[in-house]
Amino acid sequence: MAEFEIKAGAKLDLLNKAEMREVLVGWYAEIGRGIKFRQFSGQGTVAGAVWTIGGNAADNRRDPLGPEAGMLWAVTRLAVSGNGVIPGTDLFSVFVNEVTPSKLVESGLTRGAKYDVGVLVLAGNDRLALAGAGTGVAGTDVTVSGAAIEVPVQLAWQLL
């Protein structure tokens, strides 16, 4: 840190050239990384003719169903499959963070959904949560898969 003495006797602590460079290099690296296209998936098991994947539910997801801190996801595609669901018959809903009515994004889906960029945006540590009916064999798996565009928060304007 560079210190300058002010005539009043107070000290002013400013960034020196090396410290400013360090801050800017880290920021430029994040910005320069730009857009990434993410594929994600998770699994759950049908229990009592229902299933939940993601959010704060205990499941065996393979990938985080949302971005890391400092990043944004624009979800573009979701699909549900597996022996635990009957495509075209069983319904599921999409939520953000937890399965509760106030966090509902869309309901009544049978196979999946496609979203325009900017419609379903997850920030920071937000997580997708999906829940539905499973009229397939109890104890069998349900898999959710999807795609998202990931950008650093500073580049959120690129999602518009």
N, C-alpha and C. Protein backbone atom coordinates (compact mmCIF):
# COMPACT_ATOMS: atom_id res chain seq x y z
N MET A 1 0.83 -1.17 0.00
CA MET A 1 0.00 0.00 0.00
C MET A 1 0.88 1.24 0.00
N ALA A 2 0.49 2.22 -0.72
CA ALA A 2 1.20 3.50 -0.72
C ALA A 2 0.53 4.42 0.29
N GLU A 3 1.32 5.04 1.10
CA GLU A 3 0.79 5.96 2.10
C GLU A 3 1.31 7.36 1.81
N PHE A 4 0.42 8.31 1.95
CA PHE A 4 0.77 9.71 1.77
C PHE A 4 0.38 10.47 3.03
N GLU A 5 1.28 11.31 3.48
CA GLU A 5 0.96 12.08 4.68
C GLU A 5 0.29 13.38 4.28
N ILE A 6 -0.82 13.63 4.91
CA ILE A 6 -1.57 14.86 4.68
C ILE A 6 -1.16 15.84 5.77
N LYS A 7 -1.12 17.10 5.42
CA LYS A 7 -0.65 18.11 6.38
C LYS A 7 -1.41 18.08 7.70
N ALA A 8 -2.62 17.60 7.68
CA ALA A 8 -3.41 17.54 8.91
C ALA A 8 -2.93 16.40 9.81
N GLY A 9 -1.98 15.62 9.32
CA GLY A 9 -1.44 14.52 10.11
C GLY A 9 -2.13 13.19 9.87
N ALA A 10 -3.23 13.18 9.11
CA ALA A 10 -3.92 11.92 8.81
C ALA A 10 -3.19 11.21 7.68
N LYS A 11 -3.31 9.87 7.63
CA LYS A 11 -2.70 9.08 6.57
C LYS A 11 -3.76 8.56 5.62
N LEU A 12 -3.46 8.62 4.34
CA LEU A 12 -4.36 8.14 3.30
C LEU A 12 -3.71 6.92 2.68
N ASP A 13 -4.40 5.80 2.70
CA ASP A 13 -3.87 4.53 2.21
C ASP A 13 -4.46 4.26 0.82
N LEU A 14 -3.63 4.25 -0.22
CA LEU A 14 -4.06 4.05 -1.60
C LEU A 14 -3.41 2.81 -2.19
N LEU A 15 -4.02 2.26 -3.23
CA LEU A 15 -3.41 1.14 -3.94
C LEU A 15 -2.18 1.62 -4.69
N ASN A 16 -1.13 0.80 -4.64
CA ASN A 16 0.03 1.14 -5.46
C ASN A 16 -0.14 0.47 -6.83
N LYS A 17 0.82 0.68 -7.71
CA LYS A 17 0.73 0.19 -9.08
C LYS A 17 0.60 -1.34 -9.13
N ALA A 18 1.38 -2.05 -8.34
CA ALA A 18 1.36 -3.52 -8.34
C ALA A 18 0.02 -4.05 -7.82
N GLU A 19 -0.51 -3.44 -6.78
CA GLU A 19 -1.79 -3.87 -6.23
C GLU A 19 -2.94 -3.61 -7.21
N MET A 20 -2.90 -2.47 -7.87
CA MET A 20 -3.93 -2.15 -8.87
C MET A 20 -3.85 -3.14 -10.03
N ARG A 21 -2.65 -3.47 -10.47
CA ARG A 21 -2.46 -4.43 -11.55
C ARG A 21 -3.04 -5.80 -11.16
N GLU A 22 -2.79 -6.22 -9.94
CA GLU A 22 -3.28 -7.51 -9.46
C GLU A 22 -4.81 -7.57 -9.50
N VAL A 23 -5.45 -6.52 -9.05
CA VAL A 23 -6.91 -6.45 -9.06
C VAL A 23 -7.44 -6.48 -10.49
N LEU A 24 -6.85 -5.69 -11.36
CA LEU A 24 -7.33 -5.61 -12.75
C LEU A 24 -7.08 -6.89 -13.52
N VAL A 25 -5.95 -7.54 -13.30
CA VAL A 25 -5.65 -8.79 -14.01
C VAL A 25 -6.71 -9.84 -13.66
N GLY A 26 -7.05 -9.96 -12.38
CA GLY A 26 -8.08 -10.92 -11.98
C GLY A 26 -9.43 -10.61 -12.60
N TRP A 27 -9.77 -9.34 -12.62
CA TRP A 27 -11.06 -8.93 -13.18
C TRP A 27 -11.08 -9.16 -14.69
N TYR A 28 -10.02 -8.78 -15.39
CA TYR A 28 -9.95 -8.99 -16.84
C TYR A 28 -9.99 -10.47 -17.19
N ALA A 29 -9.35 -11.30 -16.38
CA ALA A 29 -9.37 -12.74 -16.65
C ALA A 29 -10.79 -13.28 -16.59
N GLU A 30 -11.56 -12.83 -15.61
CA GLU A 30 -12.93 -13.28 -15.48
C GLU A 30 -13.78 -12.78 -16.64
N ILE A 31 -13.62 -11.51 -16.98
CA ILE A 31 -14.38 -10.93 -18.09
C ILE A 31 -13.96 -11.58 -19.41
N GLY A 32 -12.66 -11.76 -19.60
CA GLY A 32 -12.15 -12.34 -20.84
C GLY A 32 -12.60 -13.77 -21.06
N ARG A 33 -12.93 -14.46 -19.99
CA ARG A 33 -13.40 -15.83 -20.09
C ARG A 33 -14.67 -15.88 -20.92
N GLY A 34 -15.50 -14.87 -20.77
CA GLY A 34 -16.70 -14.75 -21.60
C GLY A 34 -17.76 -15.79 -21.33
N ILE A 35 -18.49 -16.13 -22.37
CA ILE A 35 -19.63 -17.03 -22.30
C ILE A 35 -19.17 -18.48 -22.37
N LYS A 36 -19.78 -19.33 -21.55
CA LYS A 36 -19.57 -20.78 -21.64
C LYS A 36 -20.93 -21.44 -21.79
N PHE A 37 -20.96 -22.51 -22.52
CA PHE A 37 -22.18 -23.29 -22.68
C PHE A 37 -22.07 -24.49 -21.76
N ARG A 38 -23.01 -24.63 -20.85
CA ARG A 38 -22.98 -25.67 -19.84
C ARG A 38 -24.04 -26.74 -20.12
N GLN A 39 -23.65 -27.98 -19.90
CA GLN A 39 -24.58 -29.10 -19.89
C GLN A 39 -24.63 -29.58 -18.45
N PHE A 40 -25.79 -29.89 -17.92
CA PHE A 40 -25.89 -30.35 -16.55
C PHE A 40 -26.90 -31.48 -16.45
N SER A 41 -26.80 -32.26 -15.38
CA SER A 41 -27.75 -33.34 -15.15
C SER A 41 -27.80 -33.67 -13.67
N GLY A 42 -28.86 -34.32 -13.28
CA GLY A 42 -29.03 -34.77 -11.91
C GLY A 42 -30.02 -35.92 -11.87
N GLN A 43 -30.02 -36.66 -10.78
CA GLN A 43 -30.91 -37.80 -10.66
C GLN A 43 -31.63 -37.80 -9.34
N GLY A 44 -32.79 -38.39 -9.35
CA GLY A 44 -33.57 -38.61 -8.15
C GLY A 44 -34.28 -39.94 -8.27
N THR A 45 -34.94 -40.36 -7.22
CA THR A 45 -35.61 -41.65 -7.20
C THR A 45 -37.08 -41.45 -6.87
N VAL A 46 -37.94 -42.19 -7.56
CA VAL A 46 -39.38 -42.13 -7.30
C VAL A 46 -39.65 -42.79 -5.95
N ALA A 47 -40.31 -42.05 -5.08
CA ALA A 47 -40.71 -42.59 -3.77
C ALA A 47 -42.13 -42.12 -3.50
N GLY A 48 -43.04 -43.05 -3.31
CA GLY A 48 -44.44 -42.68 -3.07
C GLY A 48 -45.06 -41.97 -4.25
N ALA A 49 -44.66 -42.33 -5.45
CA ALA A 49 -45.17 -41.78 -6.71
C ALA A 49 -44.78 -40.32 -6.94
N VAL A 50 -43.80 -39.81 -6.21
CA VAL A 50 -43.29 -38.46 -6.45
C VAL A 50 -41.76 -38.48 -6.46
N TRP A 51 -41.17 -37.42 -7.01
CA TRP A 51 -39.71 -37.29 -7.04
C TRP A 51 -39.33 -35.82 -6.98
N THR A 52 -38.13 -35.56 -6.47
CA THR A 52 -37.58 -34.21 -6.41
C THR A 52 -36.10 -34.29 -6.73
N ILE A 53 -35.63 -33.35 -7.52
CA ILE A 53 -34.21 -33.26 -7.88
C ILE A 53 -33.78 -31.82 -7.71
N GLY A 54 -32.63 -31.61 -7.09
CA GLY A 54 -32.05 -30.28 -6.98
C GLY A 54 -32.57 -29.47 -5.82
N GLY A 55 -32.31 -28.16 -5.87
CA GLY A 55 -32.70 -27.28 -4.77
C GLY A 55 -32.00 -27.71 -3.50
N ASN A 56 -32.74 -27.75 -2.41
CA ASN A 56 -32.15 -28.17 -1.15
C ASN A 56 -32.49 -29.62 -0.82
N ALA A 57 -33.00 -30.37 -1.81
CA ALA A 57 -33.37 -31.77 -1.59
C ALA A 57 -32.13 -32.65 -1.58
N ALA A 58 -32.18 -33.70 -0.81
CA ALA A 58 -31.09 -34.68 -0.82
C ALA A 58 -31.28 -35.55 -2.05
N ASP A 59 -30.37 -35.47 -2.97
CA ASP A 59 -30.45 -36.29 -4.17
C ASP A 59 -29.04 -36.68 -4.60
N ASN A 60 -28.95 -37.47 -5.63
CA ASN A 60 -27.65 -37.92 -6.10
C ASN A 60 -27.26 -37.21 -7.40
N ARG A 61 -27.45 -35.90 -7.43
CA ARG A 61 -27.13 -35.14 -8.64
C ARG A 61 -25.64 -35.25 -8.94
N ARG A 62 -25.33 -35.25 -10.20
CA ARG A 62 -23.94 -35.36 -10.63
C ARG A 62 -23.30 -34.00 -10.81
N ASP A 63 -24.04 -33.03 -11.22
CA ASP A 63 -23.53 -31.68 -11.48
C ASP A 63 -24.36 -30.69 -10.66
N PRO A 64 -23.77 -29.57 -10.27
CA PRO A 64 -24.59 -28.54 -9.62
C PRO A 64 -25.66 -28.06 -10.60
N LEU A 65 -26.85 -27.91 -10.11
CA LEU A 65 -27.94 -27.44 -10.96
C LEU A 65 -28.07 -25.93 -10.85
N GLY A 66 -26.95 -25.25 -11.00
CA GLY A 66 -26.92 -23.80 -10.93
C GLY A 66 -25.49 -23.28 -10.94
N PRO A 67 -25.33 -21.98 -11.10
CA PRO A 67 -23.98 -21.39 -11.24
C PRO A 67 -23.26 -21.21 -9.91
N GLU A 68 -21.95 -21.06 -10.02
CA GLU A 68 -21.13 -20.73 -8.86
C GLU A 68 -21.32 -19.25 -8.53
N ALA A 69 -20.86 -18.84 -7.36
CA ALA A 69 -20.93 -17.43 -6.97
C ALA A 69 -20.18 -16.60 -8.00
N GLY A 70 -20.72 -15.44 -8.35
CA GLY A 70 -20.10 -14.54 -9.32
C GLY A 70 -20.48 -14.84 -10.76
N MET A 71 -21.31 -15.86 -10.97
CA MET A 71 -21.71 -16.25 -12.32
C MET A 71 -23.23 -16.21 -12.45
N LEU A 72 -23.71 -16.17 -13.69
CA LEU A 72 -25.14 -16.25 -14.01
C LEU A 72 -25.35 -17.37 -15.00
N TRP A 73 -26.48 -18.04 -14.88
CA TRP A 73 -26.90 -19.03 -15.88
C TRP A 73 -28.20 -18.55 -16.51
N ALA A 74 -28.26 -18.64 -17.83
CA ALA A 74 -29.52 -18.51 -18.56
C ALA A 74 -29.86 -19.93 -19.02
N VAL A 75 -30.81 -20.56 -18.35
CA VAL A 75 -31.19 -21.93 -18.68
C VAL A 75 -31.94 -21.91 -20.01
N THR A 76 -31.53 -22.78 -20.93
CA THR A 76 -32.14 -22.82 -22.26
C THR A 76 -32.92 -24.10 -22.53
N ARG A 77 -32.61 -25.17 -21.78
CA ARG A 77 -33.29 -26.44 -22.05
C ARG A 77 -33.35 -27.29 -20.78
N LEU A 78 -34.46 -27.96 -20.58
CA LEU A 78 -34.63 -28.95 -19.51
C LEU A 78 -35.35 -30.16 -20.08
N ALA A 79 -34.96 -31.34 -19.65
CA ALA A 79 -35.65 -32.56 -20.05
C ALA A 79 -35.64 -33.53 -18.88
N VAL A 80 -36.69 -34.33 -18.77
CA VAL A 80 -36.81 -35.34 -17.73
C VAL A 80 -37.00 -36.68 -18.40
N SER A 81 -36.28 -37.69 -17.90
CA SER A 81 -36.40 -39.03 -18.47
C SER A 81 -36.10 -40.07 -17.40
N GLY A 82 -36.23 -41.32 -17.75
CA GLY A 82 -35.91 -42.42 -16.84
C GLY A 82 -37.10 -43.33 -16.64
N ASN A 83 -36.83 -44.49 -16.01
CA ASN A 83 -37.88 -45.48 -15.78
C ASN A 83 -38.91 -45.03 -14.75
N GLY A 84 -38.59 -43.99 -13.99
CA GLY A 84 -39.50 -43.50 -12.96
C GLY A 84 -40.62 -42.63 -13.47
N VAL A 85 -40.53 -42.21 -14.73
CA VAL A 85 -41.57 -41.35 -15.30
C VAL A 85 -42.05 -41.92 -16.63
N ILE A 86 -43.28 -41.61 -16.93
CA ILE A 86 -43.85 -42.00 -18.22
C ILE A 86 -43.97 -40.71 -19.03
N PRO A 87 -43.11 -40.54 -20.06
CA PRO A 87 -43.12 -39.30 -20.86
C PRO A 87 -44.48 -39.05 -21.48
N GLY A 88 -44.90 -37.80 -21.43
CA GLY A 88 -46.18 -37.42 -22.00
C GLY A 88 -47.35 -37.62 -21.06
N THR A 89 -47.14 -38.34 -19.96
CA THR A 89 -48.20 -38.59 -18.99
C THR A 89 -47.91 -37.93 -17.65
N ASP A 90 -46.76 -38.22 -17.09
CA ASP A 90 -46.39 -37.66 -15.78
C ASP A 90 -46.04 -36.19 -15.92
N LEU A 91 -46.46 -35.39 -14.94
CA LEU A 91 -46.22 -33.95 -14.95
C LEU A 91 -45.14 -33.59 -13.95
N PHE A 92 -44.38 -32.53 -14.27
CA PHE A 92 -43.40 -32.02 -13.31
C PHE A 92 -43.39 -30.51 -13.36
N SER A 93 -42.79 -29.92 -12.32
CA SER A 93 -42.70 -28.47 -12.18
C SER A 93 -41.26 -28.06 -11.96
N VAL A 94 -40.96 -26.82 -12.32
CA VAL A 94 -39.62 -26.25 -12.18
C VAL A 94 -39.67 -25.13 -11.15
N PHE A 95 -38.72 -25.13 -10.23
CA PHE A 95 -38.63 -24.13 -9.17
C PHE A 95 -37.20 -23.58 -9.12
N VAL A 96 -37.03 -22.48 -8.41
CA VAL A 96 -35.69 -21.96 -8.12
C VAL A 96 -35.45 -22.08 -6.62
N ASN A 97 -34.39 -22.77 -6.27
CA ASN A 97 -33.91 -22.96 -4.90
C ASN A 97 -34.68 -23.96 -4.04
N GLU A 98 -35.97 -23.95 -4.04
CA GLU A 98 -36.72 -24.89 -3.22
C GLU A 98 -38.10 -25.14 -3.83
N VAL A 99 -38.64 -26.31 -3.50
CA VAL A 99 -39.94 -26.70 -4.02
C VAL A 99 -41.01 -26.11 -3.10
N THR A 100 -41.45 -24.92 -3.47
CA THR A 100 -42.49 -24.21 -2.73
C THR A 100 -43.21 -23.29 -3.72
N PRO A 101 -44.51 -23.05 -3.53
CA PRO A 101 -45.26 -22.25 -4.51
C PRO A 101 -44.65 -20.89 -4.83
N SER A 102 -44.04 -20.24 -3.86
CA SER A 102 -43.47 -18.91 -4.12
C SER A 102 -42.22 -18.95 -5.00
N LYS A 103 -41.66 -20.13 -5.22
CA LYS A 103 -40.44 -20.27 -6.04
C LYS A 103 -40.73 -20.96 -7.38
N LEU A 104 -42.01 -21.13 -7.70
CA LEU A 104 -42.42 -21.82 -8.93
C LEU A 104 -42.07 -20.99 -10.17
N VAL A 105 -41.47 -21.66 -11.15
CA VAL A 105 -41.16 -21.04 -12.44
C VAL A 105 -42.20 -21.48 -13.47
N GLU A 106 -42.45 -22.79 -13.53
CA GLU A 106 -43.39 -23.33 -14.51
C GLU A 106 -43.88 -24.69 -14.03
N SER A 107 -45.14 -24.98 -14.31
CA SER A 107 -45.69 -26.28 -13.92
C SER A 107 -46.41 -26.91 -15.10
N GLY A 108 -46.80 -28.18 -14.94
CA GLY A 108 -47.55 -28.87 -15.98
C GLY A 108 -46.70 -29.35 -17.15
N LEU A 109 -45.39 -29.48 -16.94
CA LEU A 109 -44.52 -29.96 -18.02
C LEU A 109 -44.57 -31.49 -18.07
N THR A 110 -44.48 -32.05 -19.28
CA THR A 110 -44.53 -33.50 -19.41
C THR A 110 -43.20 -34.11 -19.86
N ARG A 111 -42.47 -33.45 -20.70
CA ARG A 111 -41.20 -34.00 -21.19
C ARG A 111 -40.02 -33.09 -20.91
N GLY A 112 -40.25 -31.82 -21.04
CA GLY A 112 -39.17 -30.86 -20.86
C GLY A 112 -39.63 -29.48 -21.26
N ALA A 113 -38.66 -28.58 -21.35
CA ALA A 113 -38.99 -27.21 -21.72
C ALA A 113 -37.78 -26.57 -22.37
N LYS A 114 -38.05 -25.62 -23.25
CA LYS A 114 -37.01 -24.79 -23.85
C LYS A 114 -37.33 -23.36 -23.47
N TYR A 115 -36.28 -22.61 -23.10
CA TYR A 115 -36.46 -21.23 -22.67
C TYR A 115 -35.63 -20.30 -23.53
N ASP A 116 -36.21 -19.16 -23.88
CA ASP A 116 -35.44 -18.12 -24.53
C ASP A 116 -34.43 -17.57 -23.53
N VAL A 117 -33.31 -17.10 -24.02
CA VAL A 117 -32.29 -16.53 -23.15
C VAL A 117 -32.90 -15.36 -22.38
N GLY A 118 -32.70 -15.35 -21.07
CA GLY A 118 -33.23 -14.28 -20.22
C GLY A 118 -34.52 -14.61 -19.52
N VAL A 119 -35.17 -15.72 -19.89
CA VAL A 119 -36.44 -16.09 -19.26
C VAL A 119 -36.22 -16.77 -17.91
N LEU A 120 -35.29 -17.72 -17.85
CA LEU A 120 -34.99 -18.44 -16.61
C LEU A 120 -33.52 -18.21 -16.28
N VAL A 121 -33.26 -17.18 -15.48
CA VAL A 121 -31.90 -16.78 -15.12
C VAL A 121 -31.65 -17.14 -13.67
N LEU A 122 -30.53 -17.81 -13.42
CA LEU A 122 -30.10 -18.16 -12.07
C LEU A 122 -28.86 -17.35 -11.73
N ALA A 123 -28.87 -16.71 -10.58
CA ALA A 123 -27.75 -15.87 -10.17
C ALA A 123 -27.01 -16.51 -9.00
N GLY A 124 -25.70 -16.26 -8.95
CA GLY A 124 -24.91 -16.67 -7.80
C GLY A 124 -25.07 -18.12 -7.45
N ASN A 125 -25.56 -18.38 -6.27
CA ASN A 125 -25.72 -19.76 -5.81
C ASN A 125 -27.15 -20.26 -5.93
N ASP A 126 -27.97 -19.68 -6.83
CA ASP A 126 -29.31 -20.20 -7.08
C ASP A 126 -29.19 -21.62 -7.64
N ARG A 127 -30.18 -22.44 -7.35
CA ARG A 127 -30.22 -23.81 -7.86
C ARG A 127 -31.59 -24.13 -8.42
N LEU A 128 -31.60 -24.89 -9.51
CA LEU A 128 -32.85 -25.41 -10.04
C LEU A 128 -33.37 -26.49 -9.11
N ALA A 129 -34.65 -26.61 -9.03
CA ALA A 129 -35.30 -27.72 -8.32
C ALA A 129 -36.46 -28.17 -9.19
N LEU A 130 -36.58 -29.46 -9.38
CA LEU A 130 -37.67 -30.02 -10.17
C LEU A 130 -38.39 -31.05 -9.31
N ALA A 131 -39.69 -31.10 -9.43
CA ALA A 131 -40.48 -32.06 -8.68
C ALA A 131 -41.64 -32.51 -9.55
N GLY A 132 -42.02 -33.77 -9.40
CA GLY A 132 -43.12 -34.25 -10.21
C GLY A 132 -43.68 -35.57 -9.74
N ALA A 133 -44.66 -36.03 -10.50
CA ALA A 133 -45.27 -37.33 -10.26
C ALA A 133 -44.49 -38.38 -11.02
N GLY A 134 -44.39 -39.53 -10.46
CA GLY A 134 -43.71 -40.63 -11.13
C GLY A 134 -44.57 -41.86 -11.08
N THR A 135 -45.27 -42.14 -12.17
CA THR A 135 -46.14 -43.31 -12.19
C THR A 135 -45.41 -44.54 -12.70
N GLY A 136 -44.12 -44.39 -12.94
CA GLY A 136 -43.30 -45.54 -13.30
C GLY A 136 -43.09 -46.40 -12.06
N VAL A 137 -42.21 -47.34 -12.14
CA VAL A 137 -41.94 -48.27 -11.05
C VAL A 137 -41.31 -47.54 -9.87
N ALA A 138 -41.88 -47.71 -8.67
CA ALA A 138 -41.33 -47.07 -7.47
C ALA A 138 -39.89 -47.54 -7.25
N GLY A 139 -39.06 -46.63 -6.80
CA GLY A 139 -37.66 -46.95 -6.55
C GLY A 139 -36.77 -46.82 -7.78
N THR A 140 -37.35 -46.44 -8.91
CA THR A 140 -36.55 -46.27 -10.11
C THR A 140 -36.12 -44.81 -10.25
N ASP A 141 -35.13 -44.60 -11.10
CA ASP A 141 -34.53 -43.27 -11.23
C ASP A 141 -35.26 -42.37 -12.21
N VAL A 142 -35.14 -41.08 -11.91
CA VAL A 142 -35.58 -40.01 -12.80
C VAL A 142 -34.34 -39.16 -13.04
N THR A 143 -34.09 -38.80 -14.28
CA THR A 143 -32.92 -37.99 -14.62
C THR A 143 -33.39 -36.69 -15.24
N VAL A 144 -32.82 -35.60 -14.79
CA VAL A 144 -33.04 -34.31 -15.42
C VAL A 144 -31.75 -33.94 -16.12
N SER A 145 -31.87 -33.43 -17.32
CA SER A 145 -30.70 -32.93 -18.04
C SER A 145 -31.08 -31.58 -18.62
N GLY A 146 -30.07 -30.77 -18.88
CA GLY A 146 -30.36 -29.45 -19.40
C GLY A 146 -29.14 -28.75 -19.93
N ALA A 147 -29.37 -27.55 -20.40
CA ALA A 147 -28.30 -26.72 -20.94
C ALA A 147 -28.51 -25.29 -20.46
N ALA A 148 -27.39 -24.60 -20.31
CA ALA A 148 -27.44 -23.20 -19.86
C ALA A 148 -26.28 -22.43 -20.48
N ILE A 149 -26.47 -21.14 -20.60
CA ILE A 149 -25.40 -20.23 -21.00
C ILE A 149 -24.90 -19.59 -19.72
N GLU A 150 -23.59 -19.69 -19.47
CA GLU A 150 -23.00 -19.14 -18.25
C GLU A 150 -22.15 -17.93 -18.57
N VAL A 151 -22.35 -16.86 -17.80
CA VAL A 151 -21.53 -15.65 -17.96
C VAL A 151 -21.17 -15.11 -16.58
N PRO A 152 -20.02 -14.42 -16.49
CA PRO A 152 -19.72 -13.71 -15.24
C PRO A 152 -20.79 -12.63 -15.01
N VAL A 153 -21.07 -12.34 -13.76
CA VAL A 153 -22.09 -11.35 -13.41
C VAL A 153 -21.87 -10.04 -14.16
N GLN A 154 -20.60 -9.64 -14.31
CA GLN A 154 -20.30 -8.37 -14.97
C GLN A 154 -20.74 -8.35 -16.43
N LEU A 155 -20.96 -9.52 -17.01
CA LEU A 155 -21.38 -9.60 -18.41
C LEU A 155 -22.86 -9.93 -18.55
N ALA A 156 -23.64 -9.72 -17.52
CA ALA A 156 -25.07 -10.06 -17.55
C ALA A 156 -25.78 -9.39 -18.72
N TRP A 157 -25.34 -8.23 -19.11
CA TRP A 157 -25.98 -7.52 -20.22
C TRP A 157 -25.92 -8.32 -21.52
N GLN A 158 -24.98 -9.29 -21.63
CA GLN A 158 -24.91 -10.09 -22.84
C GLN A 158 -26.08 -11.06 -22.97
N LEU A 159 -26.80 -11.28 -21.89
CA LEU A 159 -27.95 -12.18 -21.92
C LEU A 159 -29.21 -11.50 -22.44
N LEU A 160 -29.16 -10.19 -22.64
CA LEU A 160 -30.34 -9.46 -23.09
C LEU A 160 -30.47 -9.50 -24.59
